[in-house]
């Protein structure tokens, strides 16, 4: 299951799994058309696909999503928590740019939603050998940057949640997180605007030791490795920043 998989990192991750022989759940919160396009790509790769609308910040909908998975396949091997939001792009220095409601809305999806989804799916994961959860976090939590203070803070909370869940679900389910640096994605391009995005991309690449930003396939590939091959890794916060922090 990949939450928030109608676009961006989530869509790339769902397709990465489908192309490697896994059946997938495509989850979206509002618009079905992008989710259907991703599902068609996954089916073309030979995967059995379940498309489910669910708001991960709503416990009832998380439980219904888990029930749909049990009805279809009887269990689940992997949960990728990719659903995430920022209510608005706001400069870190502008303390008046965000309201308490912005923080609450961001935390409801990025932190509470991840917890609710893990709790709902945990019984299904525990029935499978080497089950895994991978949370998509951000280097914003390490650096205090990103689309807004609320977003960065929520990802810091997500990192702590990852550690807590790794303890709680061991030894049955491994729980890790990926912390991407700047990701070349339509979401970020739209949020920043094309000109600001390109300027930031160039600054990031010039500092990163590998001279590049991260793309959605980089994250998908890492999520797949953590979920299927890193059999003795749990509670890890895997930084994926092309060497930016060392630059």
Protein backbone atom coordinates (compact mmCIF):
# COMPACT_ATOMS: atom_id res chain seq x y z
CA UNK A 1 0.00 0.00 0.00
CA UNK A 2 1.26 3.44 -0.94
CA UNK A 3 -0.65 6.38 0.52
CA UNK A 4 -0.75 9.58 -1.47
CA UNK A 5 0.12 7.64 -4.59
CA UNK A 6 -1.77 9.56 -7.27
CA UNK A 7 1.24 11.79 -8.00
CA UNK A 8 4.84 12.58 -7.17
CA UNK A 9 6.87 10.31 -4.92
CA UNK A 10 3.88 8.14 -4.09
CA UNK A 11 3.03 7.49 -7.73
CA UNK A 12 6.65 6.72 -8.61
CA UNK A 13 6.89 4.33 -5.67
CA UNK A 14 3.69 2.47 -6.51
CA UNK A 15 4.89 2.01 -10.09
CA UNK A 16 8.35 0.89 -8.92
CA UNK A 17 6.77 -1.88 -6.84
CA UNK A 18 4.34 -2.85 -9.61
CA UNK A 19 7.18 -3.20 -12.10
CA UNK A 20 8.88 -5.66 -9.76
CA UNK A 21 6.01 -8.05 -9.33
CA UNK A 22 4.04 -6.55 -6.45
CA UNK A 23 0.31 -5.90 -6.34
CA UNK A 24 -0.39 -2.36 -5.16
CA UNK A 25 -2.95 -0.13 -3.50
CA UNK A 26 -3.25 3.33 -5.04
CA UNK A 27 -4.59 5.78 -2.48
CA UNK A 28 -5.80 9.31 -3.17
CA UNK A 29 -7.71 11.87 -1.10
CA UNK A 30 -9.63 14.04 -3.58
CA UNK A 31 -9.22 13.69 -7.34
CA UNK A 32 -9.65 10.22 -8.89
CA UNK A 33 -8.30 10.94 -12.38
CA UNK A 34 -4.56 11.05 -11.49
CA UNK A 35 -4.96 7.92 -9.36
CA UNK A 36 -6.60 6.10 -12.26
CA UNK A 37 -3.72 7.07 -14.56
CA UNK A 38 -1.21 5.65 -12.09
CA UNK A 39 -3.29 2.50 -11.68
CA UNK A 40 -3.31 1.98 -15.46
CA UNK A 41 0.48 2.18 -15.53
CA UNK A 42 0.72 -0.33 -12.69
CA UNK A 43 -1.70 -2.72 -14.37
CA UNK A 44 0.28 -2.45 -17.60
CA UNK A 45 3.23 -3.77 -15.57
CA UNK A 46 1.20 -6.83 -14.57
CA UNK A 47 0.11 -5.77 -11.10
CA UNK A 48 -3.26 -6.34 -9.51
CA UNK A 49 -4.30 -2.84 -8.41
CA UNK A 50 -6.79 -1.59 -5.85
CA UNK A 51 -7.66 2.12 -6.04
CA UNK A 52 -9.12 3.55 -2.84
CA UNK A 53 -10.09 7.08 -1.89
CA UNK A 54 -9.25 7.79 1.75
CA UNK A 55 -8.21 10.76 3.83
CA UNK A 56 -5.44 9.37 6.02
CA UNK A 57 -6.14 11.95 8.72
CA UNK A 58 -9.52 10.29 9.34
CA UNK A 59 -9.31 7.14 11.46
CA UNK A 60 -12.56 5.67 10.10
CA UNK A 61 -11.29 5.98 6.53
CA UNK A 62 -7.95 4.42 7.46
CA UNK A 63 -9.73 1.43 8.96
CA UNK A 64 -11.95 1.13 5.89
CA UNK A 65 -8.85 1.17 3.68
CA UNK A 66 -7.30 -1.62 5.74
CA UNK A 67 -10.54 -3.61 5.47
CA UNK A 68 -10.49 -3.22 1.68
CA UNK A 69 -6.95 -4.60 1.56
CA UNK A 70 -7.88 -7.57 3.75
CA UNK A 71 -10.89 -8.31 1.56
CA UNK A 72 -8.77 -8.20 -1.61
CA UNK A 73 -5.58 -9.97 -0.55
CA UNK A 74 -6.01 -11.16 3.04
CA UNK A 75 -2.97 -9.22 4.24
CA UNK A 76 -0.27 -6.73 3.36
CA UNK A 77 3.51 -6.89 3.12
CA UNK A 78 4.47 -3.23 2.84
CA UNK A 79 3.06 0.17 3.80
CA UNK A 80 4.63 3.28 2.26
CA UNK A 81 3.37 6.45 3.95
CA UNK A 82 3.82 9.03 1.21
CA UNK A 83 0.72 11.15 1.80
CA UNK A 84 1.79 14.60 2.92
CA UNK A 85 0.83 18.25 2.61
CA UNK A 86 1.97 21.76 3.18
CA UNK A 87 -0.92 24.20 3.48
CA UNK A 88 1.08 27.04 1.98
CA UNK A 89 4.62 27.84 0.95
CA UNK A 90 5.96 30.37 3.44
CA UNK A 91 9.44 31.76 4.03
CA UNK A 92 10.92 30.46 7.28
CA UNK A 93 11.65 34.06 8.35
CA UNK A 94 8.01 35.13 8.03
CA UNK A 95 6.57 34.08 11.37
CA UNK A 96 3.20 35.63 10.62
CA UNK A 97 2.78 33.71 7.36
CA UNK A 98 1.17 30.69 9.03
CA UNK A 99 -1.74 30.33 11.40
CA UNK A 100 -2.43 27.73 14.05
CA UNK A 101 -4.84 26.15 11.57
CA UNK A 102 -1.98 25.73 9.09
CA UNK A 103 0.00 23.83 11.70
CA UNK A 104 -2.98 21.71 12.69
CA UNK A 105 -3.84 20.80 9.10
CA UNK A 106 -0.22 19.92 8.29
CA UNK A 107 0.19 17.76 11.39
CA UNK A 108 -3.13 16.01 10.81
CA UNK A 109 -1.87 14.53 7.55
CA UNK A 110 1.91 14.36 7.94
CA UNK A 111 2.04 13.01 11.49
CA UNK A 112 -1.37 11.91 12.75
CA UNK A 113 -2.33 10.46 9.39
CA UNK A 114 0.83 8.37 9.28
CA UNK A 115 0.17 7.07 12.78
CA UNK A 116 -3.45 6.21 11.99
CA UNK A 117 -2.50 4.41 8.81
CA UNK A 118 0.23 2.40 10.57
CA UNK A 119 -2.15 1.45 13.34
CA UNK A 120 -4.90 0.42 10.92
CA UNK A 121 -2.61 -1.73 8.80
CA UNK A 122 -0.47 -3.19 11.59
CA UNK A 123 -2.65 -6.29 12.11
CA UNK A 124 -2.35 -7.13 8.39
CA UNK A 125 1.39 -6.53 8.32
CA UNK A 126 2.01 -8.68 11.38
CA UNK A 127 0.55 -11.66 9.53
CA UNK A 128 3.31 -11.54 6.91
CA UNK A 129 7.00 -12.40 7.16
CA UNK A 130 9.45 -9.49 6.95
CA UNK A 131 6.70 -6.88 6.71
CA UNK A 132 7.84 -3.28 6.50
CA UNK A 133 6.70 0.32 6.84
CA UNK A 134 8.55 3.15 5.11
CA UNK A 135 7.67 6.73 6.00
CA UNK A 136 8.52 9.51 3.54
CA UNK A 137 10.00 12.31 5.63
CA UNK A 138 12.27 15.17 4.54
CA UNK A 139 15.69 16.71 5.09
CA UNK A 140 13.68 19.80 6.01
CA UNK A 141 13.43 18.23 9.46
CA UNK A 142 17.23 18.12 9.74
CA UNK A 143 17.88 21.59 8.36
CA UNK A 144 14.89 23.64 9.53
CA UNK A 145 14.05 24.60 5.95
CA UNK A 146 11.50 23.52 3.38
CA UNK A 147 8.13 24.77 2.25
CA UNK A 148 7.21 26.18 5.67
CA UNK A 149 8.01 25.97 9.37
CA UNK A 150 4.92 23.81 9.87
CA UNK A 151 6.08 21.37 7.21
CA UNK A 152 9.62 21.09 8.58
CA UNK A 153 8.36 20.65 12.14
CA UNK A 154 5.86 18.00 11.07
CA UNK A 155 8.63 16.00 9.40
CA UNK A 156 10.69 16.22 12.58
CA UNK A 157 7.73 14.76 14.43
CA UNK A 158 7.43 12.08 11.75
CA UNK A 159 11.05 11.08 12.35
CA UNK A 160 10.33 10.61 16.05
CA UNK A 161 7.16 8.71 15.22
CA UNK A 162 9.24 6.39 13.04
CA UNK A 163 11.51 5.55 15.98
CA UNK A 164 8.54 4.98 18.28
CA UNK A 165 6.81 2.68 15.80
CA UNK A 166 10.02 0.74 15.17
CA UNK A 167 10.10 -0.06 18.88
CA UNK A 168 6.37 -0.71 19.12
CA UNK A 169 6.08 -3.07 16.14
CA UNK A 170 9.34 -4.99 16.51
CA UNK A 171 10.11 -7.75 15.77
CA UNK A 172 7.10 -8.29 13.50
CA UNK A 173 7.28 -5.16 11.36
CA UNK A 174 10.32 -3.08 10.42
CA UNK A 175 9.79 0.71 10.35
CA UNK A 176 12.15 3.13 8.64
CA UNK A 177 12.00 6.59 7.08
CA UNK A 178 13.54 8.27 4.06
CA UNK A 179 14.61 11.90 4.30
CA UNK A 180 14.90 13.27 0.74
CA UNK A 181 16.62 16.54 0.10
CA UNK A 182 15.32 18.84 -2.62
CA UNK A 183 13.13 16.75 -4.91
CA UNK A 184 12.59 17.62 -8.56
CA UNK A 185 8.81 17.25 -8.57
CA UNK A 186 5.77 18.92 -10.07
CA UNK A 187 4.54 19.69 -6.53
CA UNK A 188 7.62 21.73 -5.70
CA UNK A 189 7.71 23.43 -9.10
CA UNK A 190 4.11 24.50 -8.70
CA UNK A 191 4.58 25.64 -5.11
CA UNK A 192 7.69 27.73 -5.77
CA UNK A 193 7.01 28.81 -9.33
CA UNK A 194 9.21 27.80 -12.24
CA UNK A 195 11.80 30.58 -11.88
CA UNK A 196 12.24 30.23 -8.11
CA UNK A 197 12.37 26.46 -8.42
CA UNK A 198 15.15 26.57 -10.99
CA UNK A 199 17.17 29.03 -8.90
CA UNK A 200 16.83 26.81 -5.85
CA UNK A 201 17.65 23.69 -7.86
CA UNK A 202 20.87 25.24 -9.10
CA UNK A 203 21.89 26.38 -5.61
CA UNK A 204 21.20 22.94 -4.19
CA UNK A 205 23.11 21.09 -6.91
CA UNK A 206 26.08 23.43 -6.63
CA UNK A 207 26.47 22.58 -2.93
CA UNK A 208 25.63 18.86 -3.03
CA UNK A 209 28.71 16.65 -3.31
CA UNK A 210 27.08 14.67 -6.13
CA UNK A 211 26.09 17.84 -7.98
CA UNK A 212 22.42 16.92 -8.25
CA UNK A 213 18.99 17.17 -6.69
CA UNK A 214 16.83 14.16 -5.86
CA UNK A 215 14.19 12.85 -8.25
CA UNK A 216 11.09 10.83 -7.41
CA UNK A 217 12.63 7.62 -8.76
CA UNK A 218 15.52 7.99 -6.30
CA UNK A 219 13.03 7.96 -3.45
CA UNK A 220 11.04 5.09 -4.95
CA UNK A 221 14.17 2.99 -5.37
CA UNK A 222 15.23 3.63 -1.77
CA UNK A 223 11.76 2.83 -0.45
CA UNK A 224 11.80 -0.46 -2.32
CA UNK A 225 15.20 -1.37 -0.90
CA UNK A 226 14.13 -0.57 2.67
CA UNK A 227 10.89 -2.50 2.29
CA UNK A 228 12.15 -5.62 0.54
CA UNK A 229 15.91 -5.99 0.93
CA UNK A 230 17.05 -4.27 4.11
CA UNK A 231 15.85 -7.15 6.25
CA UNK A 232 17.71 -6.17 9.42
CA UNK A 233 17.17 -2.41 9.28
CA UNK A 234 14.59 -0.78 11.51
CA UNK A 235 14.34 2.60 13.19
CA UNK A 236 16.61 4.12 10.54
CA UNK A 237 16.27 7.67 9.20
CA UNK A 238 17.88 7.35 5.80
CA UNK A 239 19.17 10.66 4.44
CA UNK A 240 18.87 10.93 0.67
CA UNK A 241 20.33 14.32 -0.20
CA UNK A 242 23.07 13.75 -2.83
CA UNK A 243 25.63 14.86 -0.25
CA UNK A 244 24.07 18.28 0.37
CA UNK A 245 24.67 18.26 4.12
CA UNK A 246 28.37 17.56 3.54
CA UNK A 247 28.74 20.25 0.91
